[in-house]
């Protein structure tokens, strides 16, 4: 799914943003300003606490060793 399709589906409530559990962003360095993925992610987790929870989870995952 392209960022534009994702933004459109979330903004038009075709996709329930609260049900999105994972978003993988390819070319994340482009996700700035008015990029579609930035707009869509604001619907998914616009609060600072949500972002902090994701980062905390990623830090835990990054420490896993097998």
N, C-alpha and C. Protein backbone atom coordinates (compact mmCIF):
# COMPACT_ATOMS: atom_id res chain seq x y z
N UNK A 1 0.85 -1.16 0.00
CA UNK A 1 0.00 0.00 0.00
C UNK A 1 0.90 1.24 0.00
N UNK A 2 0.58 2.18 -0.83
CA UNK A 2 1.36 3.41 -0.88
C UNK A 2 0.97 4.33 0.27
N UNK A 3 1.85 5.25 0.63
CA UNK A 3 1.49 6.22 1.68
C UNK A 3 0.25 7.04 1.33
N UNK A 4 0.07 7.33 0.04
CA UNK A 4 -1.08 8.13 -0.38
C UNK A 4 -2.38 7.35 -0.16
N UNK A 5 -2.38 6.06 -0.48
CA UNK A 5 -3.57 5.23 -0.29
C UNK A 5 -3.87 5.11 1.20
N UNK A 6 -2.82 4.88 2.00
CA UNK A 6 -2.99 4.76 3.44
C UNK A 6 -3.57 6.05 4.02
N UNK A 7 -3.02 7.19 3.63
CA UNK A 7 -3.53 8.48 4.11
C UNK A 7 -5.00 8.66 3.72
N UNK A 8 -5.33 8.35 2.48
CA UNK A 8 -6.70 8.50 2.00
C UNK A 8 -7.66 7.60 2.77
N UNK A 9 -7.28 6.34 2.96
CA UNK A 9 -8.15 5.40 3.66
C UNK A 9 -8.37 5.79 5.12
N UNK A 10 -7.31 6.26 5.77
CA UNK A 10 -7.44 6.65 7.17
C UNK A 10 -8.23 7.95 7.30
N UNK A 11 -7.91 8.92 6.47
CA UNK A 11 -8.60 10.22 6.58
C UNK A 11 -10.07 10.13 6.21
N UNK A 12 -10.43 9.19 5.32
CA UNK A 12 -11.83 9.00 4.93
C UNK A 12 -12.53 7.91 5.75
N UNK A 13 -11.86 7.46 6.79
CA UNK A 13 -12.38 6.46 7.73
C UNK A 13 -12.75 5.14 7.05
N UNK A 14 -12.07 4.83 5.96
CA UNK A 14 -12.20 3.53 5.32
C UNK A 14 -11.44 2.51 6.16
N UNK A 15 -10.33 2.96 6.72
CA UNK A 15 -9.52 2.17 7.64
C UNK A 15 -9.61 2.82 9.02
N UNK A 16 -9.95 2.04 10.03
CA UNK A 16 -10.03 2.55 11.40
C UNK A 16 -8.61 2.71 11.95
N UNK A 17 -8.18 3.93 12.12
CA UNK A 17 -6.81 4.21 12.56
C UNK A 17 -6.50 3.56 13.90
N UNK A 18 -7.49 3.40 14.75
CA UNK A 18 -7.23 2.82 16.07
C UNK A 18 -6.94 1.32 15.99
N UNK A 19 -7.24 0.70 14.84
CA UNK A 19 -6.99 -0.73 14.70
C UNK A 19 -5.62 -1.02 14.06
N UNK A 20 -4.90 0.01 13.68
CA UNK A 20 -3.59 -0.17 13.07
C UNK A 20 -2.58 -0.49 14.16
N UNK A 21 -1.93 -1.64 14.03
CA UNK A 21 -0.98 -2.08 15.05
C UNK A 21 0.46 -1.89 14.61
N UNK A 22 0.71 -1.85 13.32
CA UNK A 22 2.09 -1.75 12.83
C UNK A 22 2.09 -1.04 11.50
N UNK A 23 3.03 -0.12 11.34
CA UNK A 23 3.24 0.55 10.07
C UNK A 23 4.73 0.45 9.77
N UNK A 24 5.05 -0.10 8.62
CA UNK A 24 6.44 -0.17 8.18
C UNK A 24 6.62 0.89 7.11
N UNK A 25 7.59 1.76 7.32
CA UNK A 25 7.80 2.87 6.40
C UNK A 25 9.11 2.65 5.66
N UNK A 26 8.99 2.39 4.37
CA UNK A 26 10.17 2.30 3.51
C UNK A 26 10.54 3.73 3.10
N UNK A 27 11.81 3.99 2.99
CA UNK A 27 12.26 5.34 2.64
C UNK A 27 11.80 6.37 3.69
N UNK A 28 11.94 6.00 4.95
CA UNK A 28 11.45 6.84 6.05
C UNK A 28 12.08 8.22 6.07
N UNK A 29 13.26 8.36 5.50
CA UNK A 29 13.90 9.68 5.49
C UNK A 29 13.10 10.70 4.67
N UNK A 30 12.19 10.22 3.85
CA UNK A 30 11.33 11.13 3.08
C UNK A 30 10.08 11.54 3.84
N UNK A 31 9.82 10.91 4.97
CA UNK A 31 8.59 11.14 5.73
C UNK A 31 8.72 12.39 6.61
N UNK A 32 8.71 13.53 5.97
CA UNK A 32 8.79 14.81 6.68
C UNK A 32 7.75 15.77 6.10
N UNK A 33 7.46 16.79 6.87
CA UNK A 33 6.57 17.85 6.40
C UNK A 33 5.18 17.36 6.04
N UNK A 34 4.77 17.58 4.81
CA UNK A 34 3.42 17.25 4.35
C UNK A 34 3.36 15.93 3.60
N UNK A 35 4.38 15.09 3.74
CA UNK A 35 4.38 13.77 3.10
C UNK A 35 3.16 12.98 3.57
N UNK A 36 2.60 12.18 2.70
CA UNK A 36 1.38 11.42 3.02
C UNK A 36 1.52 10.54 4.25
N UNK A 37 2.67 9.91 4.43
CA UNK A 37 2.83 9.02 5.58
C UNK A 37 2.80 9.81 6.88
N UNK A 38 3.33 11.02 6.85
CA UNK A 38 3.29 11.88 8.04
C UNK A 38 1.85 12.20 8.40
N UNK A 39 1.07 12.57 7.41
CA UNK A 39 -0.34 12.90 7.65
C UNK A 39 -1.10 11.69 8.18
N UNK A 40 -0.89 10.52 7.58
CA UNK A 40 -1.61 9.32 7.99
C UNK A 40 -1.22 8.91 9.41
N UNK A 41 0.05 9.00 9.74
CA UNK A 41 0.50 8.60 11.07
C UNK A 41 -0.04 9.51 12.17
N UNK A 42 -0.39 10.72 11.80
CA UNK A 42 -1.02 11.62 12.79
C UNK A 42 -2.36 11.06 13.25
N UNK A 43 -3.06 10.39 12.35
CA UNK A 43 -4.33 9.75 12.72
C UNK A 43 -4.08 8.52 13.60
N UNK A 44 -3.02 7.79 13.29
CA UNK A 44 -2.74 6.53 13.97
C UNK A 44 -2.26 6.74 15.40
N UNK A 45 -1.32 7.62 15.57
CA UNK A 45 -0.78 7.84 16.91
C UNK A 45 -0.25 9.24 17.05
N UNK A 46 -1.15 10.17 17.21
CA UNK A 46 -0.74 11.56 17.18
C UNK A 46 -0.21 12.07 18.50
N UNK A 47 -0.39 11.32 19.56
CA UNK A 47 0.07 11.84 20.85
C UNK A 47 1.54 11.51 21.08
N UNK A 48 2.19 12.35 21.83
CA UNK A 48 3.59 12.15 22.16
C UNK A 48 3.76 10.86 22.95
N UNK A 49 2.80 10.55 23.82
CA UNK A 49 2.89 9.34 24.62
C UNK A 49 2.88 8.10 23.72
N UNK A 50 2.07 8.10 22.69
CA UNK A 50 2.04 6.97 21.75
C UNK A 50 3.40 6.78 21.10
N UNK A 51 3.99 7.87 20.67
CA UNK A 51 5.31 7.79 20.03
C UNK A 51 6.35 7.29 21.01
N UNK A 52 6.29 7.76 22.24
CA UNK A 52 7.24 7.32 23.25
C UNK A 52 7.08 5.83 23.55
N UNK A 53 5.85 5.34 23.56
CA UNK A 53 5.62 3.91 23.79
C UNK A 53 6.21 3.07 22.66
N UNK A 54 6.06 3.53 21.43
CA UNK A 54 6.63 2.81 20.29
C UNK A 54 8.14 2.78 20.39
N UNK A 55 8.74 3.91 20.70
CA UNK A 55 10.20 3.96 20.82
C UNK A 55 10.70 3.08 21.94
N UNK A 56 10.00 3.05 23.05
CA UNK A 56 10.40 2.19 24.17
C UNK A 56 10.33 0.73 23.76
N UNK A 57 9.30 0.37 23.01
CA UNK A 57 9.17 -1.01 22.56
C UNK A 57 10.30 -1.36 21.58
N UNK A 58 10.63 -0.45 20.70
CA UNK A 58 11.71 -0.70 19.75
C UNK A 58 13.05 -0.87 20.46
N UNK A 59 13.26 -0.10 21.51
CA UNK A 59 14.51 -0.23 22.26
C UNK A 59 14.61 -1.61 22.90
N UNK A 60 13.50 -2.12 23.42
CA UNK A 60 13.50 -3.46 24.02
C UNK A 60 13.77 -4.52 22.96
N UNK A 61 13.15 -4.38 21.81
CA UNK A 61 13.36 -5.34 20.74
C UNK A 61 14.81 -5.31 20.27
N UNK A 62 15.38 -4.13 20.19
CA UNK A 62 16.76 -3.99 19.72
C UNK A 62 17.75 -4.66 20.66
N UNK A 63 17.37 -4.89 21.89
CA UNK A 63 18.28 -5.50 22.85
C UNK A 63 18.18 -7.02 22.92
N UNK A 64 17.22 -7.59 22.20
CA UNK A 64 17.09 -9.04 22.23
C UNK A 64 18.31 -9.69 21.60
N UNK A 65 18.80 -10.73 22.25
CA UNK A 65 19.94 -11.47 21.72
C UNK A 65 19.63 -12.94 21.77
N UNK A 66 19.99 -13.65 20.73
CA UNK A 66 19.76 -15.09 20.68
C UNK A 66 21.07 -15.83 20.56
